[in-house]
Amino acid sequence: MTCPHCGFENLEENATCFRCGQGLDLSDVEVEPARLRRGPSSSLMERLHVWLNRRTQRRPSAPRMEASLSALLSIVPGLGQWLAGHPRRGLLMLGLWAVSLAASLAMDPPMLQWPSMVPEMFIQPRWLPLTVHAFVMADAYRLRLRTRGRRVGYLELMAVTLAATALLSLPVYTDVAQRMASNGTTRLRVMYAIEDPLIQQGDVIVVRDGNERDLARGAVVVFRIPGHINQPLLGTVLAARGDFVEWSAKKQRLTVNGAPVAVPRWIAELKRLEKDERLVIPEGELLAMSVPLPWIESLREALVREANVEGRVIRILEPPARARQLPARGG
């Protein structure tokens, strides 16, 4: 039996401690522990202890709440994986995103001349970093749940990926909303491959929306070609109603009303317009050849109907060296 006074280990039959001589029988000792006072406590330390006890007894945060926070932190690619205890994986995700961004910048601009240039719906390198970024955020969500011993279903992971894509696309949606509230004008950056005397790749332009009719030469218009390219195209009007256009295949020379006009390189590269032509632009049509049209074999096939014109460029905003107001009507 252990002596409560000196801690010496005695035999069970001993009535007193062999070392200090104190009695080992405590049956006649009464101990009354101190009790807390009833009612509100006035002690600051007691209040602090109560608060700490309540704090330690709170329920832990839900695993999916933690996973969502980890995905949100991956707005900085790889940060969610790093904070989840996987720094190497975080660096890998950051590197993957950087490579996708570099690949996008290498492919833009321009969208590569024909034959690599295909309709933008099939190849959109500018969306490549966004797709990889959404994957990084979904991976952070899955990794956090896996560390908590939870599994993520495919539908849940798909929903997280779509939510991340929507979050990352928010600046695009904001820009679209600004365009809708811009009193009939659209502010956009030229991103598709063009060869134009007035507009260049990367310019930020202002387009006055709406169908334009009776356009003259020199106007920069946004148009569509139904049945061929479903995206809006951009180009300067080289010839309008009543203009006489002549093409010499041998000299690769284009004239409008007898004056020579610069020929886009894509005509020679695609080996189109192999025959000499003379054409008077009919009413309601115009000629704009700034964008490669690989299907044409004659000038007539390159004509654009005024009814398919969706707007006219009225101003170049950026870069500063090229910023200027375009004429209200073509010259």
Protein backbone atom coordinates (compact mmCIF):
# COMPACT_ATOMS: atom_id res chain seq x y z
CA MET A 1 0.00 0.00 0.00
CA THR A 2 1.35 3.43 -0.94
CA CYS A 3 1.80 5.87 1.90
CA PRO A 4 -0.15 9.09 1.19
CA HIS A 5 2.42 11.12 3.14
CA CYS A 6 5.80 10.04 1.78
CA GLY A 7 4.91 7.77 -1.16
CA PHE A 8 6.69 4.70 0.20
CA GLU A 9 5.35 1.33 -0.98
CA ASN A 10 4.36 -0.72 2.12
CA LEU A 11 3.06 -4.26 2.50
CA GLU A 12 -0.68 -4.68 2.55
CA GLU A 13 -0.74 -5.89 6.17
CA ASN A 14 1.15 -2.81 7.50
CA ALA A 15 -0.99 -0.43 9.56
CA THR A 16 1.67 2.29 9.64
CA CYS A 17 4.25 3.43 7.13
CA PHE A 18 7.59 1.65 7.48
CA ARG A 19 9.43 4.85 6.54
CA CYS A 20 7.61 7.77 8.19
CA GLY A 21 5.48 5.95 10.74
CA GLN A 22 2.25 7.65 9.70
CA GLY A 23 -0.98 5.67 9.73
CA LEU A 24 -2.11 4.09 6.50
CA ASP A 25 -5.80 3.70 7.40
CA LEU A 26 -7.75 6.66 5.94
CA SER A 27 -11.25 5.34 6.53
CA ASP A 28 -11.96 7.86 9.26
CA VAL A 29 -10.79 10.88 7.19
CA GLU A 30 -13.54 13.05 5.73
CA VAL A 31 -12.80 15.28 2.73
CA GLU A 32 -15.30 17.84 1.45
CA PRO A 33 -14.26 19.33 -1.93
CA ALA A 34 -14.73 23.01 -2.54
CA ARG A 35 -17.92 23.89 -4.41
CA LEU A 36 -18.53 26.67 -6.90
CA ARG A 37 -20.83 29.44 -5.82
CA ARG A 38 -24.27 29.43 -7.31
CA GLY A 39 -25.51 32.30 -9.46
CA PRO A 40 -23.59 34.44 -11.96
CA SER A 41 -19.85 34.46 -11.54
CA SER A 42 -18.05 37.70 -10.95
CA SER A 43 -14.56 36.29 -11.46
CA LEU A 44 -12.98 37.13 -14.80
CA MET A 45 -10.90 33.92 -14.74
CA GLU A 46 -14.01 31.81 -14.16
CA ARG A 47 -15.72 33.42 -17.13
CA LEU A 48 -12.64 32.81 -19.24
CA HIS A 49 -12.60 29.11 -18.28
CA VAL A 50 -16.29 28.78 -19.16
CA TRP A 51 -15.68 30.40 -22.55
CA LEU A 52 -12.70 28.16 -23.26
CA ASN A 53 -14.65 25.04 -22.33
CA ARG A 54 -17.49 25.97 -24.64
CA ARG A 55 -15.03 26.72 -27.45
CA THR A 56 -13.33 23.33 -27.13
CA GLN A 57 -16.70 21.59 -27.12
CA ARG A 58 -17.85 23.10 -30.42
CA ARG A 59 -18.55 20.71 -33.26
CA PRO A 60 -15.75 20.47 -35.83
CA SER A 61 -16.40 22.10 -39.19
CA ALA A 62 -18.10 19.97 -41.84
CA PRO A 63 -15.68 18.18 -44.21
CA ARG A 64 -17.37 19.59 -47.31
CA MET A 65 -17.16 23.10 -45.90
CA GLU A 66 -13.41 22.66 -45.48
CA ALA A 67 -13.16 21.18 -48.99
CA SER A 68 -15.07 24.13 -50.46
CA LEU A 69 -12.74 26.55 -48.71
CA SER A 70 -9.75 24.65 -50.04
CA ALA A 71 -11.14 24.86 -53.58
CA LEU A 72 -11.77 28.59 -53.15
CA LEU A 73 -8.19 29.12 -52.00
CA SER A 74 -7.08 27.50 -55.25
CA ILE A 75 -7.98 30.75 -57.00
CA VAL A 76 -4.22 30.91 -56.57
CA PRO A 77 -3.37 27.66 -58.42
CA GLY A 78 -1.88 25.07 -56.06
CA LEU A 79 -2.55 26.96 -52.82
CA GLY A 80 -5.38 24.63 -51.79
CA GLN A 81 -3.19 21.55 -52.23
CA TRP A 82 -0.32 23.24 -50.37
CA LEU A 83 -2.46 24.08 -47.33
CA ALA A 84 -3.91 20.56 -47.35
CA GLY A 85 -0.43 19.21 -46.63
CA HIS A 86 0.65 18.35 -50.17
CA PRO A 87 3.15 21.05 -51.19
CA ARG A 88 4.62 19.04 -54.07
CA ARG A 89 1.20 18.48 -55.54
CA GLY A 90 0.50 22.20 -55.16
CA LEU A 91 3.67 23.08 -57.07
CA LEU A 92 2.73 20.52 -59.74
CA MET A 93 -0.69 22.12 -60.19
CA LEU A 94 0.85 25.58 -60.36
CA GLY A 95 3.27 24.37 -63.01
CA LEU A 96 0.48 22.72 -65.00
CA TRP A 97 -1.50 25.95 -65.00
CA ALA A 98 1.57 27.97 -66.03
CA VAL A 99 2.24 25.58 -68.94
CA SER A 100 -1.38 25.90 -70.14
CA LEU A 101 -1.11 29.68 -69.96
CA ALA A 102 2.15 29.63 -71.93
CA ALA A 103 0.58 27.34 -74.54
CA SER A 104 -2.37 29.71 -74.88
CA LEU A 105 -0.12 32.72 -75.35
CA ALA A 106 1.96 30.81 -77.89
CA MET A 107 -1.15 30.03 -79.96
CA ASP A 108 -2.64 33.53 -79.65
CA PRO A 109 -2.27 35.83 -81.55
CA PRO A 110 -3.00 35.21 -84.26
CA MET A 111 -5.20 32.14 -84.30
CA LEU A 112 -2.71 30.74 -86.78
CA GLN A 113 -3.26 31.18 -90.49
CA TRP A 114 -4.91 28.47 -92.55
CA PRO A 115 -4.76 25.44 -92.44
CA SER A 116 -4.28 25.58 -88.67
CA MET A 117 -6.94 28.25 -88.34
CA VAL A 118 -10.32 26.59 -87.99
CA PRO A 119 -13.57 28.00 -86.61
CA GLU A 120 -13.04 29.24 -83.06
CA MET A 121 -15.65 26.84 -81.73
CA PHE A 122 -13.21 23.97 -82.40
CA ILE A 123 -10.04 25.58 -81.09
CA GLN A 124 -10.14 28.16 -78.30
CA PRO A 125 -6.69 28.28 -76.67
CA ARG A 126 -7.71 31.24 -74.55
CA TRP A 127 -10.02 28.88 -72.63
CA LEU A 128 -7.24 26.36 -71.98
CA PRO A 129 -5.88 28.05 -68.81
CA LEU A 130 -9.44 28.45 -67.49
CA THR A 131 -10.14 24.74 -67.98
CA VAL A 132 -6.91 23.73 -66.24
CA HIS A 133 -7.59 26.21 -63.42
CA ALA A 134 -11.05 24.71 -62.84
CA PHE A 135 -9.44 21.25 -62.70
CA VAL A 136 -6.94 22.48 -60.09
CA MET A 137 -9.76 23.81 -57.90
CA ALA A 138 -11.73 20.56 -58.19
CA ASP A 139 -8.58 18.58 -57.31
CA ALA A 140 -8.12 20.67 -54.16
CA TYR A 141 -11.73 19.91 -53.17
CA ARG A 142 -11.26 16.16 -53.69
CA LEU A 143 -7.89 16.12 -51.91
CA ARG A 144 -9.26 17.82 -48.79
CA LEU A 145 -12.12 15.32 -48.52
CA ARG A 146 -9.73 12.43 -49.05
CA THR A 147 -7.60 13.60 -46.11
CA ARG A 148 -10.80 13.53 -43.99
CA GLY A 149 -11.52 9.95 -45.10
CA ARG A 150 -14.37 10.89 -47.44
CA ARG A 151 -14.86 9.83 -51.05
CA VAL A 152 -16.13 12.14 -53.80
CA GLY A 153 -18.57 10.92 -56.42
CA TYR A 154 -18.23 11.80 -60.09
CA LEU A 155 -21.39 13.92 -60.09
CA GLU A 156 -20.21 15.90 -57.08
CA LEU A 157 -16.79 16.44 -58.64
CA MET A 158 -18.42 17.54 -61.91
CA ALA A 159 -20.61 20.02 -60.03
CA VAL A 160 -17.55 21.47 -58.28
CA THR A 161 -15.73 21.78 -61.62
CA LEU A 162 -18.67 23.59 -63.20
CA ALA A 163 -18.94 25.92 -60.20
CA ALA A 164 -15.21 26.68 -60.43
CA THR A 165 -15.54 27.38 -64.17
CA ALA A 166 -18.44 29.76 -63.52
CA LEU A 167 -16.45 31.55 -60.81
CA LEU A 168 -13.39 31.93 -63.03
CA SER A 169 -15.58 33.14 -65.91
CA LEU A 170 -17.15 35.86 -63.77
CA PRO A 171 -15.00 38.62 -65.35
CA VAL A 172 -16.29 37.53 -68.77
CA TYR A 173 -19.89 37.68 -67.57
CA THR A 174 -19.25 41.11 -66.08
CA ASP A 175 -17.83 42.33 -69.37
CA VAL A 176 -20.88 41.01 -71.23
CA ALA A 177 -23.17 42.82 -68.78
CA GLN A 178 -21.24 46.03 -69.35
CA ARG A 179 -21.65 45.61 -73.08
CA MET A 180 -25.41 45.15 -72.73
CA ALA A 181 -25.61 48.40 -70.73
CA SER A 182 -23.37 50.43 -73.04
CA ASN A 183 -26.09 52.20 -75.07
CA GLY A 184 -25.82 50.13 -78.22
CA THR A 185 -22.03 49.84 -78.33
CA THR A 186 -19.72 46.92 -77.69
CA ARG A 187 -16.16 47.09 -76.40
CA LEU A 188 -14.06 44.12 -77.49
CA ARG A 189 -10.51 43.04 -78.26
CA VAL A 190 -9.63 41.74 -81.71
CA MET A 191 -8.50 38.15 -81.15
CA TYR A 192 -8.97 36.35 -84.47
CA ALA A 193 -6.45 36.41 -87.32
CA ILE A 194 -7.01 39.34 -89.68
CA GLU A 195 -5.08 41.29 -92.32
CA ASP A 196 -6.56 44.75 -92.37
CA PRO A 197 -5.19 48.22 -93.16
CA LEU A 198 -7.04 49.80 -90.22
CA ILE A 199 -7.53 47.13 -87.53
CA GLN A 200 -4.79 44.92 -86.14
CA GLN A 201 -4.65 41.83 -83.99
CA GLY A 202 -4.95 42.77 -80.30
CA ASP A 203 -6.66 46.14 -80.82
CA VAL A 204 -9.39 47.13 -78.37
CA ILE A 205 -12.22 48.58 -80.41
CA VAL A 206 -15.70 50.06 -79.87
CA VAL A 207 -18.42 48.72 -82.15
CA ARG A 208 -21.75 50.43 -82.67
CA ASP A 209 -24.21 47.54 -82.68
CA GLY A 210 -27.02 47.17 -85.19
CA ASN A 211 -27.48 46.44 -88.85
CA GLU A 212 -25.62 48.85 -91.12
CA ARG A 213 -26.82 49.60 -94.65
CA ASP A 214 -25.51 51.73 -97.53
CA LEU A 215 -21.94 51.31 -96.36
CA ALA A 216 -19.17 53.06 -98.28
CA ARG A 217 -15.55 52.12 -98.80
CA GLY A 218 -13.30 52.49 -95.75
CA ALA A 219 -15.91 51.58 -93.13
CA VAL A 220 -14.80 48.86 -90.68
CA VAL A 221 -17.67 46.44 -90.10
CA VAL A 222 -18.51 43.36 -88.05
CA PHE A 223 -20.30 40.75 -90.14
CA ARG A 224 -21.19 37.07 -90.43
CA ILE A 225 -21.13 34.62 -93.32
CA PRO A 226 -24.09 32.25 -92.87
CA GLY A 227 -23.33 28.62 -93.57
CA HIS A 228 -19.55 28.99 -93.31
CA ILE A 229 -18.34 30.66 -90.07
CA ASN A 230 -20.78 31.13 -87.23
CA GLN A 231 -18.65 33.68 -85.41
CA PRO A 232 -18.59 37.43 -86.14
CA LEU A 233 -15.81 38.55 -88.48
CA LEU A 234 -14.16 41.93 -88.89
CA GLY A 235 -12.90 43.81 -91.89
CA THR A 236 -12.60 47.07 -93.80
CA VAL A 237 -14.97 47.55 -96.72
CA LEU A 238 -12.78 47.47 -99.84
CA ALA A 239 -15.63 47.97 -102.29
CA ALA A 240 -19.31 48.88 -101.90
CA ARG A 241 -22.39 49.24 -104.12
CA GLY A 242 -21.53 50.30 -107.67
CA ASP A 243 -17.72 50.00 -107.32
CA PHE A 244 -15.84 48.32 -110.18
CA VAL A 245 -13.46 45.61 -108.97
CA GLU A 246 -10.83 43.94 -111.13
CA TRP A 247 -8.57 41.03 -110.21
CA SER A 248 -5.46 39.92 -112.09
CA ALA A 249 -4.50 36.38 -111.10
CA LYS A 250 -1.13 36.53 -112.83
CA LYS A 251 -0.03 39.76 -111.16
CA GLN A 252 -1.92 39.03 -107.91
CA ARG A 253 -3.32 42.54 -108.19
CA LEU A 254 -6.66 43.88 -106.99
CA THR A 255 -8.00 47.25 -108.12
CA VAL A 256 -11.14 49.13 -107.11
CA ASN A 257 -12.28 51.76 -109.61
CA GLY A 258 -8.82 51.58 -111.17
CA ALA A 259 -6.91 52.19 -107.91
CA PRO A 260 -4.76 49.30 -106.57
CA VAL A 261 -5.73 47.79 -103.23
CA ALA A 262 -3.41 45.80 -100.94
CA VAL A 263 -4.02 42.08 -101.40
CA PRO A 264 -4.17 39.97 -98.23
CA ARG A 265 -1.44 37.33 -98.02
CA TRP A 266 -3.91 34.53 -97.41
CA ILE A 267 -5.14 34.77 -101.00
CA ALA A 268 -1.73 33.76 -102.33
CA GLU A 269 -1.09 31.26 -99.55
CA LEU A 270 -4.38 29.47 -100.19
CA LYS A 271 -3.86 29.68 -103.96
CA ARG A 272 -7.35 31.07 -104.50
CA LEU A 273 -8.67 33.38 -107.21
CA GLU A 274 -6.73 31.70 -110.01
CA LYS A 275 -8.73 33.39 -112.78
CA ASP A 276 -8.95 37.01 -113.87
CA GLU A 277 -12.20 38.68 -112.85
CA ARG A 278 -14.12 41.89 -113.37
CA LEU A 279 -17.05 42.65 -111.13
CA VAL A 280 -19.40 45.50 -110.33
CA ILE A 281 -20.52 45.27 -106.68
CA PRO A 282 -24.31 44.82 -106.74
CA GLU A 283 -26.69 46.73 -104.46
CA GLY A 284 -26.89 45.43 -100.90
CA GLU A 285 -23.46 43.76 -100.98
CA LEU A 286 -19.87 44.72 -100.19
CA LEU A 287 -16.34 43.31 -100.37
CA ALA A 288 -14.27 42.83 -97.19
CA MET A 289 -11.38 40.36 -97.37
CA SER A 290 -9.53 40.87 -94.08
CA VAL A 291 -10.26 37.37 -92.77
CA PRO A 292 -9.12 34.15 -94.55
CA LEU A 293 -12.00 32.59 -96.47
CA PRO A 294 -10.62 29.21 -97.58
CA TRP A 295 -13.72 28.14 -99.51
CA ILE A 296 -13.83 30.96 -102.07
CA GLU A 297 -12.72 30.52 -105.68
CA SER A 298 -13.96 33.83 -107.05
CA LEU A 299 -14.53 37.40 -105.93
CA ARG A 300 -18.27 36.89 -106.12
CA GLU A 301 -18.04 34.22 -103.39
CA ALA A 302 -16.19 36.71 -101.16
CA LEU A 303 -19.00 39.27 -101.23
CA VAL A 304 -20.85 39.99 -97.98
CA ARG A 305 -24.49 40.98 -97.81
CA GLU A 306 -25.19 44.20 -95.96
CA ALA A 307 -28.03 42.40 -94.19
CA ASN A 308 -25.41 40.22 -92.44
CA VAL A 309 -23.49 43.23 -91.07
CA GLU A 310 -24.01 43.44 -87.30
CA GLY A 311 -22.16 46.62 -86.44
CA ARG A 312 -19.53 49.16 -87.38
CA VAL A 313 -16.28 50.03 -85.61
CA ILE A 314 -16.34 53.64 -84.49
CA ARG A 315 -13.21 53.89 -82.37
CA ILE A 316 -9.87 52.23 -81.55
CA LEU A 317 -9.15 52.44 -77.82
CA GLU A 318 -5.89 50.51 -77.43
CA PRO A 319 -2.96 50.46 -77.86
CA PRO A 320 -2.48 54.18 -77.13
CA ALA A 321 -0.31 54.69 -80.23
CA ARG A 322 -3.21 53.59 -82.45
CA ALA A 323 -6.11 55.10 -80.49
CA ARG A 324 -8.31 57.21 -82.75
CA GLN A 325 -11.88 57.91 -83.81
CA LEU A 326 -12.98 56.32 -87.06
CA PRO A 327 -15.15 58.27 -89.49
CA ALA A 328 -18.91 57.98 -89.10
CA ARG A 329 -19.13 56.76 -92.69
CA GLY A 330 -16.60 55.25 -94.99
CA GLY A 331 -14.65 57.46 -97.36
